[in-house]
Amino acid sequence: MKTLIDALKRNWEGYETLQAVAKYKAPKYGRDDNEADEMALRVMKLWTEETWKYKTKSTNRQFRPGMLSWNYWVSDGYILPATPDGREKGQFLSNAICPANGADINGPTSNTNSVGKALGGKDKDFSDYLDYINLLPNGASHTITFNPSILRDSEHKEKFKAFLKGYIENGGTALQINMLDPEMLRDAQKHPQDYRHLLVRVTGYNAYFTTIGKELQDEVISRISHQKM
């Protein structure tokens, strides 16, 4: 533990081997890894149970938990120091209920399975009815990016429709979908005058890609662009 604390204080400098273990060997949320997803669920229960304890002072309205981070995962990432998952100071945090960038390597189904478990998972008392617990009644923004080639023919379109149906059956709430080619986005950074029309889904809102600033552009590009189901 002391070694890890020292590594975080030094922003992983001099501890690159330990950082690699944290990044590439440790269980990660977003890969349908039960160990990692169970940790995500424990954290989710901890803060949602705390949220329900409070009401607004002015109107006595009940606070309801939700994960709608909008742009805050960007600015907070610059402020927070290094974290035990291998992230360095200044790197973006995960966006709302999404896996952190780089963790989503097992495809979109694994991604959404992790999200379903973190939202509460299947109700064990009503398992025969496919009932799912939702710990976030105020919603959970989940942004995922696909390469347009995923819809290249009727067979793949049917697979994509099945994926969307499964997402709902798995307990998902607010799925935000980008259909983007990362190479096109990189070209848009170099030649913005040719892409003034290009809209992207940032998180809970759309924005013109050429107007959102390079830091946020880079974050959108770095999201995994899934090419197969």
Protein backbone atom coordinates (compact mmCIF):
# COMPACT_ATOMS: atom_id res chain seq x y z
CA MET A 1 0.00 0.00 0.00
CA LYS A 2 2.83 2.42 0.84
CA THR A 3 4.40 1.76 -2.55
CA LEU A 4 1.12 2.60 -4.30
CA ILE A 5 0.71 5.80 -2.29
CA ASP A 6 4.25 6.85 -3.20
CA ALA A 7 3.56 6.09 -6.87
CA LEU A 8 0.44 8.26 -6.86
CA LYS A 9 2.25 11.12 -5.15
CA ARG A 10 4.92 10.98 -7.88
CA ASN A 11 2.29 10.71 -10.63
CA TRP A 12 3.62 7.20 -11.39
CA GLU A 13 7.07 8.57 -12.28
CA GLY A 14 9.60 5.88 -11.46
CA TYR A 15 6.79 3.35 -10.95
CA GLU A 16 6.02 2.59 -14.60
CA THR A 17 5.97 -1.18 -14.06
CA LEU A 18 3.41 -0.88 -11.28
CA GLN A 19 1.41 1.54 -13.42
CA ALA A 20 1.37 -0.99 -16.28
CA VAL A 21 0.04 -3.65 -13.89
CA ALA A 22 -2.68 -1.25 -12.72
CA LYS A 23 -3.63 -0.38 -16.29
CA TYR A 24 -3.43 -3.75 -18.02
CA LYS A 25 -3.59 -6.53 -15.44
CA ALA A 26 -6.06 -5.34 -12.82
CA PRO A 27 -9.80 -6.06 -13.30
CA LYS A 28 -11.55 -3.24 -15.17
CA TYR A 29 -15.14 -2.04 -15.24
CA GLY A 30 -16.42 -2.13 -18.82
CA ARG A 31 -15.11 -5.63 -19.66
CA ASP A 32 -17.96 -7.67 -18.13
CA ASP A 33 -15.54 -8.64 -15.36
CA ASN A 34 -17.57 -9.69 -12.32
CA GLU A 35 -14.89 -8.70 -9.82
CA ALA A 36 -14.55 -5.16 -11.20
CA ASP A 37 -18.30 -4.76 -11.72
CA GLU A 38 -19.00 -5.85 -8.15
CA MET A 39 -16.70 -3.07 -6.93
CA ALA A 40 -18.57 -0.61 -9.15
CA LEU A 41 -21.87 -1.78 -7.70
CA ARG A 42 -20.60 -1.38 -4.12
CA VAL A 43 -19.58 2.21 -4.83
CA MET A 44 -22.91 2.86 -6.56
CA LYS A 45 -24.90 1.58 -3.59
CA LEU A 46 -22.78 3.59 -1.16
CA TRP A 47 -23.41 6.98 -2.71
CA THR A 48 -27.00 6.39 -3.86
CA GLU A 49 -28.03 5.33 -0.35
CA GLU A 50 -26.42 8.50 0.96
CA THR A 51 -28.18 10.65 -1.65
CA TRP A 52 -31.62 9.45 -0.54
CA LYS A 53 -30.97 10.85 2.95
CA TYR A 54 -31.21 14.47 1.79
CA LYS A 55 -33.81 16.97 0.62
CA THR A 56 -33.49 20.53 -0.66
CA LYS A 57 -33.55 23.16 2.07
CA SER A 58 -35.74 25.66 0.23
CA THR A 59 -38.55 23.39 -1.05
CA ASN A 60 -38.03 20.12 0.85
CA ARG A 61 -37.77 18.24 -2.44
CA GLN A 62 -36.16 14.81 -2.43
CA PHE A 63 -32.73 14.44 -4.02
CA ARG A 64 -32.60 11.56 -6.50
CA PRO A 65 -29.36 9.93 -7.61
CA GLY A 66 -28.31 10.05 -11.24
CA MET A 67 -25.14 9.98 -13.33
CA LEU A 68 -25.28 12.89 -15.74
CA SER A 69 -21.79 14.34 -15.59
CA TRP A 70 -22.03 16.45 -18.75
CA ASN A 71 -18.68 18.24 -19.03
CA TYR A 72 -17.49 17.86 -15.44
CA TRP A 73 -15.48 14.71 -16.07
CA VAL A 74 -13.22 16.84 -18.28
CA SER A 75 -12.34 19.72 -15.95
CA ASP A 76 -12.18 17.57 -12.83
CA GLY A 77 -9.70 15.32 -14.59
CA TYR A 78 -7.23 18.19 -14.75
CA ILE A 79 -7.58 18.86 -11.03
CA LEU A 80 -7.49 15.38 -9.53
CA PRO A 81 -4.13 13.71 -8.86
CA ALA A 82 -3.13 10.29 -10.19
CA THR A 83 -5.46 7.42 -9.32
CA PRO A 84 -4.86 3.72 -8.50
CA ASP A 85 -6.24 2.50 -11.85
CA GLY A 86 -3.09 3.78 -13.59
CA ARG A 87 -4.53 7.14 -14.62
CA GLU A 88 -2.10 10.07 -14.49
CA LYS A 89 -2.85 13.56 -13.24
CA GLY A 90 -4.54 15.62 -15.93
CA GLN A 91 -6.18 12.72 -17.77
CA PHE A 92 -9.95 12.61 -18.15
CA LEU A 93 -12.11 10.71 -15.71
CA SER A 94 -14.77 8.29 -16.93
CA ASN A 95 -17.82 9.98 -18.41
CA ALA A 96 -20.96 9.44 -16.29
CA ILE A 97 -21.58 5.67 -16.08
CA CYS A 98 -19.22 4.88 -18.99
CA PRO A 99 -16.02 2.86 -18.52
CA ALA A 100 -12.84 4.91 -18.47
CA ASN A 101 -11.20 5.45 -21.85
CA GLY A 102 -8.93 2.51 -22.62
CA ALA A 103 -10.77 0.05 -20.38
CA ASP A 104 -13.41 -0.86 -22.96
CA ILE A 105 -11.56 -3.52 -24.98
CA ASN A 106 -13.96 -6.50 -25.03
CA GLY A 107 -16.63 -5.05 -27.30
CA PRO A 108 -19.95 -3.24 -26.83
CA THR A 109 -21.78 -6.17 -25.22
CA SER A 110 -19.21 -6.41 -22.43
CA ASN A 111 -19.37 -2.65 -22.03
CA THR A 112 -23.13 -2.63 -21.56
CA ASN A 113 -23.14 -5.75 -19.37
CA SER A 114 -20.88 -3.93 -16.92
CA VAL A 115 -23.16 -0.90 -16.99
CA GLY A 116 -26.21 -3.07 -16.30
CA LYS A 117 -24.53 -4.61 -13.27
CA ALA A 118 -23.39 -1.24 -11.91
CA LEU A 119 -26.94 0.11 -12.24
CA GLY A 120 -28.14 -2.59 -9.86
CA GLY A 121 -28.20 -5.79 -11.84
CA LYS A 122 -30.87 -8.43 -12.03
CA ASP A 123 -33.28 -8.70 -9.11
CA LYS A 124 -32.57 -12.12 -7.61
CA ASP A 125 -36.04 -12.29 -6.05
CA PHE A 126 -37.73 -11.90 -9.43
CA SER A 127 -35.21 -13.55 -11.74
CA ASP A 128 -37.89 -15.42 -13.68
CA TYR A 129 -39.39 -12.09 -14.83
CA LEU A 130 -36.17 -10.45 -16.05
CA ASP A 131 -36.68 -7.59 -13.59
CA TYR A 132 -33.68 -5.32 -13.10
CA ILE A 133 -32.89 -2.99 -10.25
CA ASN A 134 -32.20 0.64 -11.21
CA LEU A 135 -30.28 2.52 -8.53
CA LEU A 136 -30.35 5.73 -10.58
CA PRO A 137 -33.95 6.95 -11.03
CA ASN A 138 -32.62 10.31 -12.21
CA GLY A 139 -30.98 8.63 -15.21
CA ALA A 140 -27.50 7.54 -16.26
CA SER A 141 -25.84 8.91 -19.39
CA HIS A 142 -23.96 6.19 -21.27
CA THR A 143 -22.09 7.25 -24.41
CA ILE A 144 -20.72 4.63 -26.79
CA THR A 145 -19.14 5.04 -30.21
CA PHE A 146 -19.50 2.72 -33.21
CA ASN A 147 -17.76 2.79 -36.54
CA PRO A 148 -20.30 3.33 -39.38
CA SER A 149 -19.16 0.00 -40.86
CA ILE A 150 -21.24 -1.71 -38.16
CA LEU A 151 -24.31 -1.02 -40.36
CA ARG A 152 -22.74 -2.08 -43.66
CA ASP A 153 -25.41 -4.67 -44.54
CA SER A 154 -28.79 -6.03 -43.42
CA GLU A 155 -27.24 -8.77 -41.28
CA HIS A 156 -25.23 -6.30 -39.24
CA LYS A 157 -28.23 -3.97 -38.95
CA GLU A 158 -30.20 -6.81 -37.39
CA LYS A 159 -27.36 -7.49 -34.97
CA PHE A 160 -27.31 -3.83 -34.00
CA LYS A 161 -31.08 -3.84 -33.40
CA ALA A 162 -30.64 -6.91 -31.16
CA PHE A 163 -27.88 -5.08 -29.27
CA LEU A 164 -30.17 -2.10 -28.61
CA LYS A 165 -32.99 -4.38 -27.43
CA GLY A 166 -30.59 -6.26 -25.18
CA TYR A 167 -29.35 -2.99 -23.73
CA ILE A 168 -32.81 -2.18 -22.41
CA GLU A 169 -33.42 -5.73 -21.20
CA ASN A 170 -30.10 -5.53 -19.35
CA GLY A 171 -31.27 -2.55 -17.28
CA GLY A 172 -29.73 0.27 -19.33
CA THR A 173 -31.33 3.70 -19.26
CA ALA A 174 -29.96 6.51 -21.46
CA LEU A 175 -27.72 5.25 -24.25
CA GLN A 176 -26.02 8.00 -26.27
CA ILE A 177 -24.70 6.66 -29.60
CA ASN A 178 -22.04 8.10 -31.89
CA MET A 179 -21.53 6.67 -35.38
CA LEU A 180 -18.10 8.05 -36.19
CA ASP A 181 -14.91 7.22 -38.00
CA PRO A 182 -11.95 8.32 -35.81
CA GLU A 183 -9.85 9.08 -38.91
CA MET A 184 -12.53 11.47 -40.14
CA LEU A 185 -12.48 13.26 -36.77
CA ARG A 186 -8.70 13.63 -36.94
CA ASP A 187 -9.06 15.12 -40.41
CA ALA A 188 -11.72 17.49 -39.04
CA GLN A 189 -9.19 18.74 -36.49
CA LYS A 190 -6.75 19.52 -39.29
CA HIS A 191 -9.33 20.96 -41.70
CA PRO A 192 -12.21 22.37 -39.60
CA GLN A 193 -13.47 24.48 -42.51
CA ASP A 194 -14.55 21.26 -44.26
CA TYR A 195 -16.49 19.86 -41.28
CA ARG A 196 -18.60 22.70 -39.93
CA HIS A 197 -21.67 20.47 -40.30
CA LEU A 198 -20.25 17.57 -38.23
CA LEU A 199 -22.28 16.83 -35.09
CA VAL A 200 -21.08 14.51 -32.34
CA ARG A 201 -22.70 13.19 -29.20
CA VAL A 202 -20.55 14.49 -26.35
CA THR A 203 -22.56 13.03 -23.48
CA GLY A 204 -26.15 14.15 -22.88
CA TYR A 205 -26.05 16.63 -25.72
CA ASN A 206 -24.96 17.12 -29.33
CA ALA A 207 -22.35 19.65 -30.41
CA TYR A 208 -20.58 20.68 -33.59
CA PHE A 209 -17.23 18.91 -33.45
CA THR A 210 -15.20 21.87 -34.67
CA THR A 211 -16.52 24.15 -31.88
CA ILE A 212 -15.92 22.08 -28.73
CA GLY A 213 -12.18 22.68 -28.19
CA LYS A 214 -9.25 20.38 -28.82
CA GLU A 215 -9.21 18.76 -25.35
CA LEU A 216 -12.79 17.58 -25.73
CA GLN A 217 -12.23 16.67 -29.38
CA ASP A 218 -9.35 14.42 -28.34
CA GLU A 219 -11.55 12.78 -25.70
CA VAL A 220 -14.25 12.00 -28.27
CA ILE A 221 -11.64 10.52 -30.63
CA SER A 222 -10.09 8.41 -27.89
CA ARG A 223 -13.34 6.58 -27.19
CA ILE A 224 -13.33 3.07 -28.59
CA SER A 225 -15.00 2.94 -32.02
CA HIS A 226 -16.55 -0.52 -32.15
CA GLN A 227 -16.41 -2.17 -35.55
CA LYS A 228 -18.04 -5.51 -34.81
CA MET A 229 -20.73 -6.93 -32.55
